[in-house]
Amino acid sequence: MHVTDGHLPFPYGREITGYEIPDLAGTLAKAKAAGASILAGPYAADHRNALSCNPGGYIAEIHDTQK
């Protein structure tokens, strides 16, 4: 098992996990209210996406189920 301490070598940056949710705007509002930062987005790609970071430093990609 290789422990990266939350960082991967260039060009990958930090490890992130993605979550598909039905309501991006509502989820981002709840995340902000809980103290999360929105690092990027929302923006359109294959879906509407955003990157968030919780107060503990956990980074997650969030995208909605609608294209």
PDB file of N, CA and C in Angstrom:
ATOM      1  N   MET A   1       0.847  -1.181   0.000  1.00  0.00           N
ATOM      2  CA  MET A   1       0.000   0.000   0.000  1.00  0.00           C
ATOM      3  C   MET A   1       0.889   1.239   0.000  1.00  0.00           C
ATOM      4  N   HIS A   2       0.591   2.165  -0.886  1.00  0.00           N
ATOM      5  CA  HIS A   2       1.357   3.403  -0.987  1.00  0.00           C
ATOM      6  C   HIS A   2       0.534   4.543  -0.395  1.00  0.00           C
ATOM      7  N   VAL A   3       1.061   5.229   0.570  1.00  0.00           N
ATOM      8  CA  VAL A   3       0.376   6.360   1.193  1.00  0.00           C
ATOM      9  C   VAL A   3       0.900   7.638   0.556  1.00  0.00           C
ATOM     10  N   THR A   4      -0.009   8.451   0.021  1.00  0.00           N
ATOM     11  CA  THR A   4       0.407   9.674  -0.669  1.00  0.00           C
ATOM     12  C   THR A   4       0.240  10.921   0.178  1.00  0.00           C
ATOM     13  N   ASP A   5      -0.336  10.788   1.359  1.00  0.00           N
ATOM     14  CA  ASP A   5      -0.575  11.936   2.226  1.00  0.00           C
ATOM     15  C   ASP A   5      -1.402  13.006   1.519  1.00  0.00           C
ATOM     16  N   GLY A   6      -2.345  12.571   0.667  1.00  0.00           N
ATOM     17  CA  GLY A   6      -3.243  13.514   0.004  1.00  0.00           C
ATOM     18  C   GLY A   6      -2.669  14.190  -1.215  1.00  0.00           C
ATOM     19  N   HIS A   7      -1.448  13.851  -1.598  1.00  0.00           N
ATOM     20  CA  HIS A   7      -0.825  14.492  -2.754  1.00  0.00           C
ATOM     21  C   HIS A   7      -0.300  13.438  -3.724  1.00  0.00           C
ATOM     22  N   LEU A   8      -0.497  13.655  -4.970  1.00  0.00           N
ATOM     23  CA  LEU A   8       0.051  12.812  -6.016  1.00  0.00           C
ATOM     24  C   LEU A   8       1.066  13.631  -6.797  1.00  0.00           C
ATOM     25  N   PRO A   9       2.042  12.988  -7.424  1.00  0.00           N
ATOM     26  CA  PRO A   9       3.034  13.739  -8.182  1.00  0.00           C
ATOM     27  C   PRO A   9       2.430  14.470  -9.381  1.00  0.00           C
ATOM     28  N   PHE A  10       3.125  15.519  -9.830  1.00  0.00           N
ATOM     29  CA  PHE A  10       2.727  16.270 -11.019  1.00  0.00           C
ATOM     30  C   PHE A  10       2.481  15.276 -12.151  1.00  0.00           C
ATOM     31  N   PRO A  11       1.483  15.395 -12.977  1.00  0.00           N
ATOM     32  CA  PRO A  11       0.549  16.510 -13.129  1.00  0.00           C
ATOM     33  C   PRO A  11      -0.785  16.294 -12.424  1.00  0.00           C
ATOM     34  N   TYR A  12      -0.878  15.318 -11.530  1.00  0.00           N
ATOM     35  CA  TYR A  12      -2.179  14.945 -10.976  1.00  0.00           C
ATOM     36  C   TYR A  12      -2.644  15.809  -9.820  1.00  0.00           C
ATOM     37  N   GLY A  13      -1.773  16.414  -9.087  1.00  0.00           N
ATOM     38  CA  GLY A  13      -2.192  17.262  -7.975  1.00  0.00           C
ATOM     39  C   GLY A  13      -2.707  16.435  -6.817  1.00  0.00           C
ATOM     40  N   ARG A  14      -3.700  16.933  -6.129  1.00  0.00           N
ATOM     41  CA  ARG A  14      -4.252  16.239  -4.968  1.00  0.00           C
ATOM     42  C   ARG A  14      -5.217  15.142  -5.392  1.00  0.00           C
ATOM     43  N   GLU A  15      -5.314  14.158  -4.529  1.00  0.00           N
ATOM     44  CA  GLU A  15      -6.309  13.122  -4.758  1.00  0.00           C
ATOM     45  C   GLU A  15      -7.699  13.722  -4.569  1.00  0.00           C
ATOM     46  N   ILE A  16      -8.630  13.338  -5.417  1.00  0.00           N
ATOM     47  CA  ILE A  16     -10.005  13.788  -5.252  1.00  0.00           C
ATOM     48  C   ILE A  16     -10.947  12.627  -5.508  1.00  0.00           C
ATOM     49  N   THR A  17     -12.134  12.731  -4.989  1.00  0.00           N
ATOM     50  CA  THR A  17     -13.184  11.750  -5.199  1.00  0.00           C
ATOM     51  C   THR A  17     -14.362  12.475  -5.814  1.00  0.00           C
ATOM     52  N   GLY A  18     -15.101  11.826  -6.705  1.00  0.00           N
ATOM     53  CA  GLY A  18     -16.252  12.431  -7.346  1.00  0.00           C
ATOM     54  C   GLY A  18     -17.556  11.836  -6.856  1.00  0.00           C
ATOM     55  N   TYR A  19     -18.572  12.665  -6.817  1.00  0.00           N
ATOM     56  CA  TYR A  19     -19.904  12.251  -6.391  1.00  0.00           C
ATOM     57  C   TYR A  19     -20.929  12.765  -7.380  1.00  0.00           C
ATOM     58  N   GLU A  20     -21.854  11.915  -7.782  1.00  0.00           N
ATOM     59  CA  GLU A  20     -22.954  12.312  -8.657  1.00  0.00           C
ATOM     60  C   GLU A  20     -24.180  12.541  -7.787  1.00  0.00           C
ATOM     61  N   ILE A  21     -24.772  13.718  -7.912  1.00  0.00           N
ATOM     62  CA  ILE A  21     -25.924  14.098  -7.084  1.00  0.00           C
ATOM     63  C   ILE A  21     -27.007  14.690  -7.990  1.00  0.00           C
ATOM     64  N   PRO A  22     -28.268  14.695  -7.547  1.00  0.00           N
ATOM     65  CA  PRO A  22     -29.339  15.199  -8.401  1.00  0.00           C
ATOM     66  C   PRO A  22     -29.498  16.720  -8.417  1.00  0.00           C
ATOM     67  N   ASP A  23     -28.954  17.441  -7.422  1.00  0.00           N
ATOM     68  CA  ASP A  23     -29.172  18.886  -7.318  1.00  0.00           C
ATOM     69  C   ASP A  23     -27.857  19.570  -6.962  1.00  0.00           C
ATOM     70  N   LEU A  24     -27.100  19.985  -7.967  1.00  0.00           N
ATOM     71  CA  LEU A  24     -25.788  20.595  -7.736  1.00  0.00           C
ATOM     72  C   LEU A  24     -25.903  21.895  -6.947  1.00  0.00           C
ATOM     73  N   ALA A  25     -26.800  22.769  -7.350  1.00  0.00           N
ATOM     74  CA  ALA A  25     -26.927  24.062  -6.663  1.00  0.00           C
ATOM     75  C   ALA A  25     -27.295  23.878  -5.200  1.00  0.00           C
ATOM     76  N   GLY A  26     -28.242  23.008  -4.916  1.00  0.00           N
ATOM     77  CA  GLY A  26     -28.658  22.757  -3.535  1.00  0.00           C
ATOM     78  C   GLY A  26     -27.549  22.132  -2.707  1.00  0.00           C
ATOM     79  N   THR A  27     -26.808  21.215  -3.300  1.00  0.00           N
ATOM     80  CA  THR A  27     -25.706  20.561  -2.598  1.00  0.00           C
ATOM     81  C   THR A  27     -24.591  21.559  -2.296  1.00  0.00           C
ATOM     82  N   LEU A  28     -24.276  22.426  -3.254  1.00  0.00           N
ATOM     83  CA  LEU A  28     -23.240  23.438  -3.013  1.00  0.00           C
ATOM     84  C   LEU A  28     -23.670  24.418  -1.925  1.00  0.00           C
ATOM     85  N   ALA A  29     -24.932  24.788  -1.910  1.00  0.00           N
ATOM     86  CA  ALA A  29     -25.434  25.688  -0.860  1.00  0.00           C
ATOM     87  C   ALA A  29     -25.292  25.042   0.517  1.00  0.00           C
ATOM     88  N   LYS A  30     -25.632  23.758   0.628  1.00  0.00           N
ATOM     89  CA  LYS A  30     -25.488  23.050   1.906  1.00  0.00           C
ATOM     90  C   LYS A  30     -24.014  22.914   2.292  1.00  0.00           C
ATOM     91  N   ALA A  31     -23.162  22.656   1.316  1.00  0.00           N
ATOM     92  CA  ALA A  31     -21.732  22.527   1.597  1.00  0.00           C
ATOM     93  C   ALA A  31     -21.166  23.845   2.117  1.00  0.00           C
ATOM     94  N   LYS A  32     -21.522  24.968   1.468  1.00  0.00           N
ATOM     95  CA  LYS A  32     -21.048  26.291   1.919  1.00  0.00           C
ATOM     96  C   LYS A  32     -21.543  26.589   3.328  1.00  0.00           C
ATOM     97  N   ALA A  33     -22.815  26.256   3.603  1.00  0.00           N
ATOM     98  CA  ALA A  33     -23.382  26.498   4.930  1.00  0.00           C
ATOM     99  C   ALA A  33     -22.662  25.683   6.005  1.00  0.00           C
ATOM    100  N   ALA A  34     -22.103  24.541   5.618  1.00  0.00           N
ATOM    101  CA  ALA A  34     -21.376  23.683   6.558  1.00  0.00           C
ATOM    102  C   ALA A  34     -19.897  24.058   6.647  1.00  0.00           C
ATOM    103  N   GLY A  35     -19.465  25.096   5.913  1.00  0.00           N
ATOM    104  CA  GLY A  35     -18.096  25.578   6.002  1.00  0.00           C
ATOM    105  C   GLY A  35     -17.179  25.152   4.876  1.00  0.00           C
ATOM    106  N   ALA A  36     -17.707  24.483   3.852  1.00  0.00           N
ATOM    107  CA  ALA A  36     -16.876  24.070   2.716  1.00  0.00           C
ATOM    108  C   ALA A  36     -16.582  25.258   1.809  1.00  0.00           C
ATOM    109  N   SER A  37     -15.482  25.172   1.094  1.00  0.00           N
ATOM    110  CA  SER A  37     -15.119  26.155   0.076  1.00  0.00           C
ATOM    111  C   SER A  37     -15.412  25.565  -1.293  1.00  0.00           C
ATOM    112  N   ILE A  38     -15.854  26.400  -2.212  1.00  0.00           N
ATOM    113  CA  ILE A  38     -16.042  25.964  -3.588  1.00  0.00           C
ATOM    114  C   ILE A  38     -14.775  26.375  -4.339  1.00  0.00           C
ATOM    115  N   LEU A  39     -14.008  25.389  -4.780  1.00  0.00           N
ATOM    116  CA  LEU A  39     -12.724  25.649  -5.420  1.00  0.00           C
ATOM    117  C   LEU A  39     -12.863  25.992  -6.893  1.00  0.00           C
ATOM    118  N   ALA A  40     -13.873  25.406  -7.550  1.00  0.00           N
ATOM    119  CA  ALA A  40     -14.091  25.643  -8.983  1.00  0.00           C
ATOM    120  C   ALA A  40     -15.544  25.351  -9.307  1.00  0.00           C
ATOM    121  N   GLY A  41     -16.094  26.180 -10.178  1.00  0.00           N
ATOM    122  CA  GLY A  41     -17.437  25.923 -10.673  1.00  0.00           C
ATOM    123  C   GLY A  41     -18.492  26.669  -9.905  1.00  0.00           C
ATOM    124  N   PRO A  42     -19.713  26.338 -10.221  1.00  0.00           N
ATOM    125  CA  PRO A  42     -20.083  25.278 -11.156  1.00  0.00           C
ATOM    126  C   PRO A  42     -19.739  25.645 -12.604  1.00  0.00           C
ATOM    127  N   TYR A  43     -19.385  24.622 -13.359  1.00  0.00           N
ATOM    128  CA  TYR A  43     -19.052  24.799 -14.766  1.00  0.00           C
ATOM    129  C   TYR A  43     -19.618  23.621 -15.547  1.00  0.00           C
ATOM    130  N   ALA A  44     -19.790  23.817 -16.847  1.00  0.00           N
ATOM    131  CA  ALA A  44     -20.372  22.775 -17.690  1.00  0.00           C
ATOM    132  C   ALA A  44     -19.273  21.987 -18.386  1.00  0.00           C
ATOM    133  N   ALA A  45     -19.362  20.686 -18.302  1.00  0.00           N
ATOM    134  CA  ALA A  45     -18.519  19.760 -19.066  1.00  0.00           C
ATOM    135  C   ALA A  45     -19.496  18.716 -19.608  1.00  0.00           C
ATOM    136  N   ASP A  46     -19.288  17.444 -19.327  1.00  0.00           N
ATOM    137  CA  ASP A  46     -20.302  16.448 -19.672  1.00  0.00           C
ATOM    138  C   ASP A  46     -21.550  16.637 -18.807  1.00  0.00           C
ATOM    139  N   HIS A  47     -21.344  17.109 -17.604  1.00  0.00           N
ATOM    140  CA  HIS A  47     -22.395  17.434 -16.639  1.00  0.00           C
ATOM    141  C   HIS A  47     -22.055  18.802 -16.065  1.00  0.00           C
ATOM    142  N   ARG A  48     -22.910  19.325 -15.178  1.00  0.00           N
ATOM    143  CA  ARG A  48     -22.533  20.514 -14.418  1.00  0.00           C
ATOM    144  C   ARG A  48     -21.673  20.035 -13.264  1.00  0.00           C
ATOM    145  N   ASN A  49     -20.514  20.622 -13.102  1.00  0.00           N
ATOM    146  CA  ASN A  49     -19.522  20.163 -12.132  1.00  0.00           C
ATOM    147  C   ASN A  49     -19.090  21.288 -11.204  1.00  0.00           C
ATOM    148  N   ALA A  50     -18.535  20.893 -10.071  1.00  0.00           N
ATOM    149  CA  ALA A  50     -17.883  21.821  -9.154  1.00  0.00           C
ATOM    150  C   ALA A  50     -16.873  21.027  -8.339  1.00  0.00           C
ATOM    151  N   LEU A  51     -15.873  21.723  -7.827  1.00  0.00           N
ATOM    152  CA  LEU A  51     -14.912  21.133  -6.897  1.00  0.00           C
ATOM    153  C   LEU A  51     -15.086  21.828  -5.563  1.00  0.00           C
ATOM    154  N   SER A  52     -15.205  21.040  -4.504  1.00  0.00           N
ATOM    155  CA  SER A  52     -15.372  21.615  -3.178  1.00  0.00           C
ATOM    156  C   SER A  52     -14.292  21.086  -2.248  1.00  0.00           C
ATOM    157  N   CYS A  53     -14.059  21.826  -1.182  1.00  0.00           N
ATOM    158  CA  CYS A  53     -13.088  21.431  -0.170  1.00  0.00           C
ATOM    159  C   CYS A  53     -13.721  21.657   1.195  1.00  0.00           C
ATOM    160  N   ASN A  54     -13.835  20.592   1.994  1.00  0.00           N
ATOM    161  CA  ASN A  54     -14.434  20.772   3.317  1.00  0.00           C
ATOM    162  C   ASN A  54     -13.417  21.392   4.271  1.00  0.00           C
ATOM    163  N   PRO A  55     -13.847  21.837   5.449  1.00  0.00           N
ATOM    164  CA  PRO A  55     -12.924  22.505   6.365  1.00  0.00           C
ATOM    165  C   PRO A  55     -11.709  21.661   6.757  1.00  0.00           C
ATOM    166  N   GLY A  56     -11.804  20.346   6.657  1.00  0.00           N
ATOM    167  CA  GLY A  56     -10.688  19.477   6.987  1.00  0.00           C
ATOM    168  C   GLY A  56      -9.711  19.263   5.843  1.00  0.00           C
ATOM    169  N   GLY A  57     -10.007  19.836   4.656  1.00  0.00           N
ATOM    170  CA  GLY A  57      -9.108  19.732   3.522  1.00  0.00           C
ATOM    171  C   GLY A  57      -9.475  18.661   2.513  1.00  0.00           C
ATOM    172  N   TYR A  58     -10.573  17.937   2.723  1.00  0.00           N
ATOM    173  CA  TYR A  58     -11.005  16.890   1.796  1.00  0.00           C
ATOM    174  C   TYR A  58     -11.573  17.526   0.535  1.00  0.00           C
ATOM    175  N   ILE A  59     -11.033  17.187  -0.626  1.00  0.00           N
ATOM    176  CA  ILE A  59     -11.469  17.749  -1.902  1.00  0.00           C
ATOM    177  C   ILE A  59     -12.337  16.734  -2.629  1.00  0.00           C
ATOM    178  N   ALA A  60     -13.470  17.195  -3.144  1.00  0.00           N
ATOM    179  CA  ALA A  60     -14.369  16.302  -3.875  1.00  0.00           C
ATOM    180  C   ALA A  60     -14.882  16.993  -5.128  1.00  0.00           C
ATOM    181  N   GLU A  61     -14.983  16.232  -6.202  1.00  0.00           N
ATOM    182  CA  GLU A  61     -15.672  16.696  -7.406  1.00  0.00           C
ATOM    183  C   GLU A  61     -17.137  16.311  -7.250  1.00  0.00           C
ATOM    184  N   ILE A  62     -18.013  17.259  -7.505  1.00  0.00           N
ATOM    185  CA  ILE A  62     -19.454  17.020  -7.418  1.00  0.00           C
ATOM    186  C   ILE A  62     -20.049  17.318  -8.778  1.00  0.00           C
ATOM    187  N   HIS A  63     -20.845  16.414  -9.308  1.00  0.00           N
ATOM    188  CA  HIS A  63     -21.520  16.690 -10.573  1.00  0.00           C
ATOM    189  C   HIS A  63     -22.955  16.196 -10.513  1.00  0.00           C
ATOM    190  N   ASP A  64     -23.812  16.906 -11.239  1.00  0.00           N
ATOM    191  CA  ASP A  64     -25.220  16.548 -11.192  1.00  0.00           C
ATOM    192  C   ASP A  64     -25.529  15.444 -12.202  1.00  0.00           C
ATOM    193  N   THR A  65     -26.712  14.871 -12.055  1.00  0.00           N
ATOM    194  CA  THR A  65     -27.127  13.757 -12.902  1.00  0.00           C
ATOM    195  C   THR A  65     -27.691  14.220 -14.229  1.00  0.00           C
ATOM    196  N   GLN A  66     -27.921  15.517 -14.383  1.00  0.00           N
ATOM    197  CA  GLN A  66     -28.477  16.045 -15.619  1.00  0.00           C
ATOM    198  C   GLN A  66     -27.349  16.492 -16.535  1.00  0.00           C
ATOM    199  N   LYS A  67     -27.516  16.219 -17.824  1.00  0.00           N
ATOM    200  CA  LYS A  67     -26.511  16.645 -18.802  1.00  0.00           C
ATOM    201  C   LYS A  67     -26.898  17.963 -19.412  1.00  0.00           C
TER     202      LYS A  67
END
